[in-house]
Amino acid sequence: MAFTPKLTYKGRPLVRCGNDIYYGSMTDPYIVYLQVLSNRQENGVEVADKVHLVLLSTDASKPLPERIVRQANRVGLFNALSFGDIMLQGALQKK
């Protein structure tokens, strides 16, 4: 039985565990790892403020440091997801 994600962004799965978010499919050559570094209050709701993004290769035969393709920081989860989507699309098109 295939895994069907409940949360997606632009057709790709989002998996969240605490302050860590994985964007993309593990069957693709690359995914984006987002780490929420800080939060802020906005209208009484806690929202992500600073987010660190890492474009990772899904090749499990490589050690983790070699799997890192690109890194960036963004302010706001929407900005981070948008930029992560651009990084992921670019990496997947090069493959």
PDB file of N, CA and C in Angstrom:
ATOM      1  N   MET A   1       0.834  -1.170   0.000  1.00  0.00           N
ATOM      2  CA  MET A   1       0.000   0.000   0.000  1.00  0.00           C
ATOM      3  C   MET A   1       0.882   1.237   0.000  1.00  0.00           C
ATOM      4  N   ALA A   2       0.616   2.164  -0.884  1.00  0.00           N
ATOM      5  CA  ALA A   2       1.421   3.371  -1.036  1.00  0.00           C
ATOM      6  C   ALA A   2       1.060   4.399   0.033  1.00  0.00           C
ATOM      7  N   PHE A   3       2.066   5.165   0.448  1.00  0.00           N
ATOM      8  CA  PHE A   3       1.872   6.227   1.434  1.00  0.00           C
ATOM      9  C   PHE A   3       1.225   7.427   0.754  1.00  0.00           C
ATOM     10  N   THR A   4       0.135   7.922   1.310  1.00  0.00           N
ATOM     11  CA  THR A   4      -0.532   9.108   0.790  1.00  0.00           C
ATOM     12  C   THR A   4      -0.395  10.212   1.823  1.00  0.00           C
ATOM     13  N   PRO A   5       0.392  11.265   1.498  1.00  0.00           N
ATOM     14  CA  PRO A   5       0.590  12.326   2.478  1.00  0.00           C
ATOM     15  C   PRO A   5      -0.692  13.128   2.708  1.00  0.00           C
ATOM     16  N   LYS A   6      -0.885  13.554   3.949  1.00  0.00           N
ATOM     17  CA  LYS A   6      -2.054  14.361   4.268  1.00  0.00           C
ATOM     18  C   LYS A   6      -1.797  15.827   4.011  1.00  0.00           C
ATOM     19  N   LEU A   7      -0.532  16.232   4.023  1.00  0.00           N
ATOM     20  CA  LEU A   7      -0.177  17.632   3.818  1.00  0.00           C
ATOM     21  C   LEU A   7       0.780  17.737   2.644  1.00  0.00           C
ATOM     22  N   THR A   8       0.435  18.591   1.678  1.00  0.00           N
ATOM     23  CA  THR A   8       1.290  18.794   0.518  1.00  0.00           C
ATOM     24  C   THR A   8       1.449  20.287   0.263  1.00  0.00           C
ATOM     25  N   TYR A   9       2.471  20.626  -0.492  1.00  0.00           N
ATOM     26  CA  TYR A   9       2.698  21.992  -0.963  1.00  0.00           C
ATOM     27  C   TYR A   9       3.113  21.874  -2.418  1.00  0.00           C
ATOM     28  N   LYS A  10       2.354  22.490  -3.296  1.00  0.00           N
ATOM     29  CA  LYS A  10       2.595  22.438  -4.734  1.00  0.00           C
ATOM     30  C   LYS A  10       2.732  20.999  -5.242  1.00  0.00           C
ATOM     31  N   GLY A  11       1.891  20.112  -4.678  1.00  0.00           N
ATOM     32  CA  GLY A  11       1.844  18.736  -5.143  1.00  0.00           C
ATOM     33  C   GLY A  11       2.895  17.814  -4.559  1.00  0.00           C
ATOM     34  N   ARG A  12       3.775  18.329  -3.714  1.00  0.00           N
ATOM     35  CA  ARG A  12       4.805  17.500  -3.106  1.00  0.00           C
ATOM     36  C   ARG A  12       4.506  17.338  -1.619  1.00  0.00           C
ATOM     37  N   PRO A  13       4.828  16.182  -1.042  1.00  0.00           N
ATOM     38  CA  PRO A  13       4.497  15.939   0.366  1.00  0.00           C
ATOM     39  C   PRO A  13       5.315  16.783   1.332  1.00  0.00           C
ATOM     40  N   LEU A  14       4.676  17.134   2.435  1.00  0.00           N
ATOM     41  CA  LEU A  14       5.314  17.804   3.569  1.00  0.00           C
ATOM     42  C   LEU A  14       5.162  16.896   4.776  1.00  0.00           C
ATOM     43  N   VAL A  15       6.259  16.618   5.450  1.00  0.00           N
ATOM     44  CA  VAL A  15       6.218  15.805   6.655  1.00  0.00           C
ATOM     45  C   VAL A  15       6.869  16.628   7.761  1.00  0.00           C
ATOM     46  N   ARG A  16       6.141  16.802   8.871  1.00  0.00           N
ATOM     47  CA  ARG A  16       6.625  17.634   9.967  1.00  0.00           C
ATOM     48  C   ARG A  16       6.805  16.808  11.228  1.00  0.00           C
ATOM     49  N   CYS A  17       7.904  17.067  11.915  1.00  0.00           N
ATOM     50  CA  CYS A  17       8.158  16.464  13.218  1.00  0.00           C
ATOM     51  C   CYS A  17       8.755  17.560  14.095  1.00  0.00           C
ATOM     52  N   GLY A  18       7.927  18.181  14.931  1.00  0.00           N
ATOM     53  CA  GLY A  18       8.385  19.289  15.763  1.00  0.00           C
ATOM     54  C   GLY A  18       8.771  20.482  14.900  1.00  0.00           C
ATOM     55  N   ASN A  19      10.012  20.924  15.023  1.00  0.00           N
ATOM     56  CA  ASN A  19      10.495  22.061  14.237  1.00  0.00           C
ATOM     57  C   ASN A  19      11.189  21.643  12.947  1.00  0.00           C
ATOM     58  N   ASP A  20      11.132  20.375  12.606  1.00  0.00           N
ATOM     59  CA  ASP A  20      11.740  19.867  11.380  1.00  0.00           C
ATOM     60  C   ASP A  20      10.652  19.558  10.359  1.00  0.00           C
ATOM     61  N   ILE A  21      10.876  20.011   9.121  1.00  0.00           N
ATOM     62  CA  ILE A  21       9.923  19.773   8.041  1.00  0.00           C
ATOM     63  C   ILE A  21      10.693  19.212   6.848  1.00  0.00           C
ATOM     64  N   TYR A  22      10.190  18.143   6.282  1.00  0.00           N
ATOM     65  CA  TYR A  22      10.776  17.563   5.073  1.00  0.00           C
ATOM     66  C   TYR A  22       9.817  17.808   3.920  1.00  0.00           C
ATOM     67  N   TYR A  23      10.341  18.343   2.822  1.00  0.00           N
ATOM     68  CA  TYR A  23       9.522  18.693   1.667  1.00  0.00           C
ATOM     69  C   TYR A  23      10.034  17.929   0.455  1.00  0.00           C
ATOM     70  N   GLY A  24       9.168  17.141  -0.135  1.00  0.00           N
ATOM     71  CA  GLY A  24       9.527  16.365  -1.311  1.00  0.00           C
ATOM     72  C   GLY A  24       9.352  14.882  -1.048  1.00  0.00           C
ATOM     73  N   SER A  25       9.528  14.109  -2.084  1.00  0.00           N
ATOM     74  CA  SER A  25       9.347  12.665  -2.009  1.00  0.00           C
ATOM     75  C   SER A  25      10.699  11.965  -1.896  1.00  0.00           C
ATOM     76  N   MET A  26      10.792  11.009  -1.003  1.00  0.00           N
ATOM     77  CA  MET A  26      12.041  10.263  -0.827  1.00  0.00           C
ATOM     78  C   MET A  26      12.381   9.410  -2.040  1.00  0.00           C
ATOM     79  N   THR A  27      11.444   9.243  -2.965  1.00  0.00           N
ATOM     80  CA  THR A  27      11.737   8.498  -4.185  1.00  0.00           C
ATOM     81  C   THR A  27      12.412   9.379  -5.231  1.00  0.00           C
ATOM     82  N   ASP A  28      12.394  10.698  -5.025  1.00  0.00           N
ATOM     83  CA  ASP A  28      13.091  11.628  -5.924  1.00  0.00           C
ATOM     84  C   ASP A  28      14.562  11.709  -5.517  1.00  0.00           C
ATOM     85  N   PRO A  29      15.426  12.207  -6.408  1.00  0.00           N
ATOM     86  CA  PRO A  29      16.851  12.299  -6.069  1.00  0.00           C
ATOM     87  C   PRO A  29      17.165  13.336  -4.986  1.00  0.00           C
ATOM     88  N   TYR A  30      16.263  14.311  -4.760  1.00  0.00           N
ATOM     89  CA  TYR A  30      16.506  15.368  -3.782  1.00  0.00           C
ATOM     90  C   TYR A  30      15.250  15.668  -2.979  1.00  0.00           C
ATOM     91  N   ILE A  31      15.449  16.158  -1.748  1.00  0.00           N
ATOM     92  CA  ILE A  31      14.375  16.688  -0.908  1.00  0.00           C
ATOM     93  C   ILE A  31      14.897  17.972  -0.264  1.00  0.00           C
ATOM     94  N   VAL A  32      13.992  18.727   0.356  1.00  0.00           N
ATOM     95  CA  VAL A  32      14.383  19.914   1.107  1.00  0.00           C
ATOM     96  C   VAL A  32      14.055  19.674   2.575  1.00  0.00           C
ATOM     97  N   TYR A  33      15.034  19.926   3.423  1.00  0.00           N
ATOM     98  CA  TYR A  33      14.859  19.838   4.872  1.00  0.00           C
ATOM     99  C   TYR A  33      14.786  21.268   5.397  1.00  0.00           C
ATOM    100  N   LEU A  34      13.722  21.587   6.115  1.00  0.00           N
ATOM    101  CA  LEU A  34      13.547  22.909   6.704  1.00  0.00           C
ATOM    102  C   LEU A  34      13.576  22.779   8.216  1.00  0.00           C
ATOM    103  N   GLN A  35      14.359  23.600   8.873  1.00  0.00           N
ATOM    104  CA  GLN A  35      14.431  23.596  10.332  1.00  0.00           C
ATOM    105  C   GLN A  35      14.018  24.976  10.823  1.00  0.00           C
ATOM    106  N   VAL A  36      12.935  25.017  11.608  1.00  0.00           N
ATOM    107  CA  VAL A  36      12.467  26.270  12.187  1.00  0.00           C
ATOM    108  C   VAL A  36      13.393  26.613  13.341  1.00  0.00           C
ATOM    109  N   LEU A  37      14.113  27.732  13.205  1.00  0.00           N
ATOM    110  CA  LEU A  37      15.086  28.132  14.221  1.00  0.00           C
ATOM    111  C   LEU A  37      14.462  28.982  15.317  1.00  0.00           C
ATOM    112  N   SER A  38      13.449  29.794  14.961  1.00  0.00           N
ATOM    113  CA  SER A  38      12.784  30.623  15.962  1.00  0.00           C
ATOM    114  C   SER A  38      11.342  30.874  15.556  1.00  0.00           C
ATOM    115  N   ASN A  39      10.527  31.215  16.543  1.00  0.00           N
ATOM    116  CA  ASN A  39       9.109  31.511  16.331  1.00  0.00           C
ATOM    117  C   ASN A  39       8.809  32.906  16.864  1.00  0.00           C
ATOM    118  N   ARG A  40       7.678  33.470  16.425  1.00  0.00           N
ATOM    119  CA  ARG A  40       7.217  34.751  16.940  1.00  0.00           C
ATOM    120  C   ARG A  40       5.699  34.714  17.067  1.00  0.00           C
ATOM    121  N   GLN A  41       5.163  35.592  17.880  1.00  0.00           N
ATOM    122  CA  GLN A  41       3.717  35.698  18.057  1.00  0.00           C
ATOM    123  C   GLN A  41       3.158  36.687  17.035  1.00  0.00           C
ATOM    124  N   GLU A  42       2.108  36.280  16.347  1.00  0.00           N
ATOM    125  CA  GLU A  42       1.432  37.153  15.389  1.00  0.00           C
ATOM    126  C   GLU A  42      -0.064  36.969  15.581  1.00  0.00           C
ATOM    127  N   ASN A  43      -0.732  38.024  16.043  1.00  0.00           N
ATOM    128  CA  ASN A  43      -2.172  37.980  16.328  1.00  0.00           C
ATOM    129  C   ASN A  43      -2.522  36.839  17.284  1.00  0.00           C
ATOM    130  N   GLY A  44      -1.667  36.616  18.274  1.00  0.00           N
ATOM    131  CA  GLY A  44      -1.928  35.593  19.274  1.00  0.00           C
ATOM    132  C   GLY A  44      -1.601  34.176  18.832  1.00  0.00           C
ATOM    133  N   VAL A  45      -0.998  34.024  17.660  1.00  0.00           N
ATOM    134  CA  VAL A  45      -0.646  32.694  17.135  1.00  0.00           C
ATOM    135  C   VAL A  45       0.866  32.628  16.960  1.00  0.00           C
ATOM    136  N   GLU A  46       1.456  31.512  17.367  1.00  0.00           N
ATOM    137  CA  GLU A  46       2.892  31.331  17.190  1.00  0.00           C
ATOM    138  C   GLU A  46       3.179  30.886  15.756  1.00  0.00           C
ATOM    139  N   VAL A  47       4.024  31.653  15.048  1.00  0.00           N
ATOM    140  CA  VAL A  47       4.371  31.340  13.663  1.00  0.00           C
ATOM    141  C   VAL A  47       5.889  31.260  13.528  1.00  0.00           C
ATOM    142  N   ALA A  48       6.333  30.532  12.522  1.00  0.00           N
ATOM    143  CA  ALA A  48       7.770  30.388  12.274  1.00  0.00           C
ATOM    144  C   ALA A  48       8.360  31.723  11.855  1.00  0.00           C
ATOM    145  N   ASP A  49       9.516  32.041  12.400  1.00  0.00           N
ATOM    146  CA  ASP A  49      10.194  33.288  12.061  1.00  0.00           C
ATOM    147  C   ASP A  49      11.424  32.993  11.198  1.00  0.00           C
ATOM    148  N   LYS A  50      12.474  32.483  11.795  1.00  0.00           N
ATOM    149  CA  LYS A  50      13.691  32.160  11.047  1.00  0.00           C
ATOM    150  C   LYS A  50      13.694  30.670  10.704  1.00  0.00           C
ATOM    151  N   VAL A  51      13.976  30.382   9.429  1.00  0.00           N
ATOM    152  CA  VAL A  51      13.960  28.998   8.942  1.00  0.00           C
ATOM    153  C   VAL A  51      15.252  28.731   8.172  1.00  0.00           C
ATOM    154  N   HIS A  52      15.888  27.607   8.476  1.00  0.00           N
ATOM    155  CA  HIS A  52      17.093  27.169   7.764  1.00  0.00           C
ATOM    156  C   HIS A  52      16.687  26.073   6.783  1.00  0.00           C
ATOM    157  N   LEU A  53      17.114  26.195   5.518  1.00  0.00           N
ATOM    158  CA  LEU A  53      16.776  25.220   4.479  1.00  0.00           C
ATOM    159  C   LEU A  53      18.030  24.480   4.039  1.00  0.00           C
ATOM    160  N   VAL A  54      17.874  23.194   3.766  1.00  0.00           N
ATOM    161  CA  VAL A  54      18.972  22.382   3.248  1.00  0.00           C
ATOM    162  C   VAL A  54      18.426  21.517   2.121  1.00  0.00           C
ATOM    163  N   LEU A  55      19.002  21.657   0.931  1.00  0.00           N
ATOM    164  CA  LEU A  55      18.680  20.778  -0.188  1.00  0.00           C
ATOM    165  C   LEU A  55      19.546  19.540  -0.034  1.00  0.00           C
ATOM    166  N   LEU A  56      18.904  18.385   0.126  1.00  0.00           N
ATOM    167  CA  LEU A  56      19.609  17.131   0.397  1.00  0.00           C
ATOM    168  C   LEU A  56      19.411  16.114  -0.719  1.00  0.00           C
ATOM    169  N   SER A  57      20.460  15.376  -1.010  1.00  0.00           N
ATOM    170  CA  SER A  57      20.351  14.219  -1.888  1.00  0.00           C
ATOM    171  C   SER A  57      19.725  13.087  -1.094  1.00  0.00           C
ATOM    172  N   THR A  58      18.899  12.284  -1.730  1.00  0.00           N
ATOM    173  CA  THR A  58      18.290  11.137  -1.053  1.00  0.00           C
ATOM    174  C   THR A  58      19.121   9.871  -1.232  1.00  0.00           C
ATOM    175  N   ASP A  59      20.319   9.993  -1.798  1.00  0.00           N
ATOM    176  CA  ASP A  59      21.209   8.850  -1.997  1.00  0.00           C
ATOM    177  C   ASP A  59      21.763   8.397  -0.649  1.00  0.00           C
ATOM    178  N   ALA A  60      21.215   7.321  -0.117  1.00  0.00           N
ATOM    179  CA  ALA A  60      21.592   6.835   1.212  1.00  0.00           C
ATOM    180  C   ALA A  60      22.998   6.238   1.251  1.00  0.00           C
ATOM    181  N   SER A  61      23.613   5.997   0.093  1.00  0.00           N
ATOM    182  CA  SER A  61      24.960   5.423   0.088  1.00  0.00           C
ATOM    183  C   SER A  61      26.018   6.472   0.422  1.00  0.00           C
ATOM    184  N   LYS A  62      25.673   7.763   0.353  1.00  0.00           N
ATOM    185  CA  LYS A  62      26.604   8.843   0.677  1.00  0.00           C
ATOM    186  C   LYS A  62      26.475   9.210   2.152  1.00  0.00           C
ATOM    187  N   PRO A  63      27.586   9.617   2.791  1.00  0.00           N
ATOM    188  CA  PRO A  63      27.469  10.124   4.162  1.00  0.00           C
ATOM    189  C   PRO A  63      26.756  11.479   4.150  1.00  0.00           C
ATOM    190  N   LEU A  64      26.141  11.844   5.274  1.00  0.00           N
ATOM    191  CA  LEU A  64      25.322  13.052   5.346  1.00  0.00           C
ATOM    192  C   LEU A  64      26.031  14.319   4.860  1.00  0.00           C
ATOM    193  N   PRO A  65      27.268  14.595   5.237  1.00  0.00           N
ATOM    194  CA  PRO A  65      27.887  15.835   4.747  1.00  0.00           C
ATOM    195  C   PRO A  65      27.972  15.915   3.223  1.00  0.00           C
ATOM    196  N   GLU A  66      28.123  14.776   2.566  1.00  0.00           N
ATOM    197  CA  GLU A  66      28.201  14.759   1.102  1.00  0.00           C
ATOM    198  C   GLU A  66      26.826  14.878   0.451  1.00  0.00           C
ATOM    199  N   ARG A  67      25.771  14.637   1.216  1.00  0.00           N
ATOM    200  CA  ARG A  67      24.412  14.708   0.671  1.00  0.00           C
ATOM    201  C   ARG A  67      23.890  16.140   0.630  1.00  0.00           C
ATOM    202  N   ILE A  68      24.540  17.062   1.334  1.00  0.00           N
ATOM    203  CA  ILE A  68      24.109  18.463   1.353  1.00  0.00           C
ATOM    204  C   ILE A  68      24.514  19.119   0.041  1.00  0.00           C
ATOM    205  N   VAL A  69      23.514  19.637  -0.686  1.00  0.00           N
ATOM    206  CA  VAL A  69      23.757  20.268  -1.972  1.00  0.00           C
ATOM    207  C   VAL A  69      23.796  21.787  -1.839  1.00  0.00           C
ATOM    208  N   ARG A  70      22.854  22.333  -1.065  1.00  0.00           N
ATOM    209  CA  ARG A  70      22.740  23.787  -0.937  1.00  0.00           C
ATOM    210  C   ARG A  70      22.048  24.114   0.380  1.00  0.00           C
ATOM    211  N   GLN A  71      22.407  25.265   0.961  1.00  0.00           N
ATOM    212  CA  GLN A  71      21.785  25.718   2.204  1.00  0.00           C
ATOM    213  C   GLN A  71      21.400  27.188   2.079  1.00  0.00           C
ATOM    214  N   ALA A  72      20.388  27.588   2.848  1.00  0.00           N
ATOM    215  CA  ALA A  72      19.945  28.984   2.855  1.00  0.00           C
ATOM    216  C   ALA A  72      19.153  29.248   4.121  1.00  0.00           C
ATOM    217  N   ASN A  73      18.969  30.506   4.438  1.00  0.00           N
ATOM    218  CA  ASN A  73      18.121  30.931   5.550  1.00  0.00           C
ATOM    219  C   ASN A  73      17.064  31.886   5.012  1.00  0.00           C
ATOM    220  N   ARG A  74      15.857  31.805   5.546  1.00  0.00           N
ATOM    221  CA  ARG A  74      14.765  32.688   5.155  1.00  0.00           C
ATOM    222  C   ARG A  74      13.975  33.082   6.382  1.00  0.00           C
ATOM    223  N   VAL A  75      13.280  34.204   6.295  1.00  0.00           N
ATOM    224  CA  VAL A  75      12.397  34.665   7.363  1.00  0.00           C
ATOM    225  C   VAL A  75      10.970  34.324   6.955  1.00  0.00           C
ATOM    226  N   GLY A  76      10.283  33.538   7.773  1.00  0.00           N
ATOM    227  CA  GLY A  76       8.909  33.140   7.500  1.00  0.00           C
ATOM    228  C   GLY A  76       8.837  31.799   6.805  1.00  0.00           C
ATOM    229  N   LEU A  77       7.864  31.009   7.220  1.00  0.00           N
ATOM    230  CA  LEU A  77       7.712  29.667   6.657  1.00  0.00           C
ATOM    231  C   LEU A  77       7.299  29.709   5.191  1.00  0.00           C
ATOM    232  N   PHE A  78       6.429  30.640   4.823  1.00  0.00           N
ATOM    233  CA  PHE A  78       6.010  30.718   3.427  1.00  0.00           C
ATOM    234  C   PHE A  78       7.192  31.064   2.524  1.00  0.00           C
ATOM    235  N   ASN A  79       8.007  32.032   2.925  1.00  0.00           N
ATOM    236  CA  ASN A  79       9.191  32.383   2.135  1.00  0.00           C
ATOM    237  C   ASN A  79      10.141  31.202   2.028  1.00  0.00           C
ATOM    238  N   ALA A  80      10.311  30.476   3.135  1.00  0.00           N
ATOM    239  CA  ALA A  80      11.202  29.320   3.134  1.00  0.00           C
ATOM    240  C   ALA A  80      10.678  28.215   2.218  1.00  0.00           C
ATOM    241  N   LEU A  81       9.381  27.922   2.295  1.00  0.00           N
ATOM    242  CA  LEU A  81       8.806  26.889   1.422  1.00  0.00           C
ATOM    243  C   LEU A  81       8.881  27.293  -0.045  1.00  0.00           C
ATOM    244  N   SER A  82       8.611  28.547  -0.332  1.00  0.00           N
ATOM    245  CA  SER A  82       8.688  29.020  -1.721  1.00  0.00           C
ATOM    246  C   SER A  82      10.104  28.887  -2.265  1.00  0.00           C
ATOM    247  N   PHE A  83      11.089  29.315  -1.475  1.00  0.00           N
ATOM    248  CA  PHE A  83      12.474  29.210  -1.911  1.00  0.00           C
ATOM    249  C   PHE A  83      12.913  27.751  -1.988  1.00  0.00           C
ATOM    250  N   GLY A  84      12.467  26.943  -1.029  1.00  0.00           N
ATOM    251  CA  GLY A  84      12.784  25.515  -1.059  1.00  0.00           C
ATOM    252  C   GLY A  84      12.224  24.835  -2.296  1.00  0.00           C
ATOM    253  N   ASP A  85      11.020  25.236  -2.707  1.00  0.00           N
ATOM    254  CA  ASP A  85      10.425  24.678  -3.919  1.00  0.00           C
ATOM    255  C   ASP A  85      11.256  25.050  -5.142  1.00  0.00           C
ATOM    256  N   ILE A  86      11.744  26.283  -5.193  1.00  0.00           N
ATOM    257  CA  ILE A  86      12.594  26.714  -6.311  1.00  0.00           C
ATOM    258  C   ILE A  86      13.894  25.911  -6.331  1.00  0.00           C
ATOM    259  N   MET A  87      14.516  25.729  -5.156  1.00  0.00           N
ATOM    260  CA  MET A  87      15.762  24.938  -5.085  1.00  0.00           C
ATOM    261  C   MET A  87      15.510  23.499  -5.539  1.00  0.00           C
ATOM    262  N   LEU A  88      14.390  22.922  -5.072  1.00  0.00           N
ATOM    263  CA  LEU A  88      14.086  21.532  -5.398  1.00  0.00           C
ATOM    264  C   LEU A  88      13.801  21.367  -6.890  1.00  0.00           C
ATOM    265  N   GLN A  89      13.010  22.262  -7.463  1.00  0.00           N
ATOM    266  CA  GLN A  89      12.703  22.172  -8.892  1.00  0.00           C
ATOM    267  C   GLN A  89      13.968  22.287  -9.728  1.00  0.00           C
ATOM    268  N   GLY A  90      14.846  23.210  -9.362  1.00  0.00           N
ATOM    269  CA  GLY A  90      16.096  23.379 -10.093  1.00  0.00           C
ATOM    270  C   GLY A  90      16.975  22.140 -10.030  1.00  0.00           C
ATOM    271  N   ALA A  91      17.061  21.541  -8.847  1.00  0.00           N
ATOM    272  CA  ALA A  91      17.885  20.334  -8.685  1.00  0.00           C
ATOM    273  C   ALA A  91      17.293  19.155  -9.451  1.00  0.00           C
ATOM    274  N   LEU A  92      15.964  19.016  -9.417  1.00  0.00           N
ATOM    275  CA  LEU A  92      15.330  17.900 -10.101  1.00  0.00           C
ATOM    276  C   LEU A  92      15.396  18.052 -11.621  1.00  0.00           C
ATOM    277  N   GLN A  93      15.405  19.288 -12.131  1.00  0.00           N
ATOM    278  CA  GLN A  93      15.513  19.489 -13.566  1.00  0.00           C
ATOM    279  C   GLN A  93      16.908  19.203 -14.085  1.00  0.00           C
ATOM    280  N   LYS A  94      17.926  19.426 -13.243  1.00  0.00           N
ATOM    281  CA  LYS A  94      19.307  19.155 -13.638  1.00  0.00           C
ATOM    282  C   LYS A  94      19.564  17.665 -13.755  1.00  0.00           C
ATOM    283  N   LYS A  95      18.831  16.847 -12.985  1.00  0.00           N
ATOM    284  CA  LYS A  95      19.040  15.404 -12.965  1.00  0.00           C
ATOM    285  C   LYS A  95      18.663  14.792 -14.248  1.00  0.00           C
TER     286      LYS A  95
END
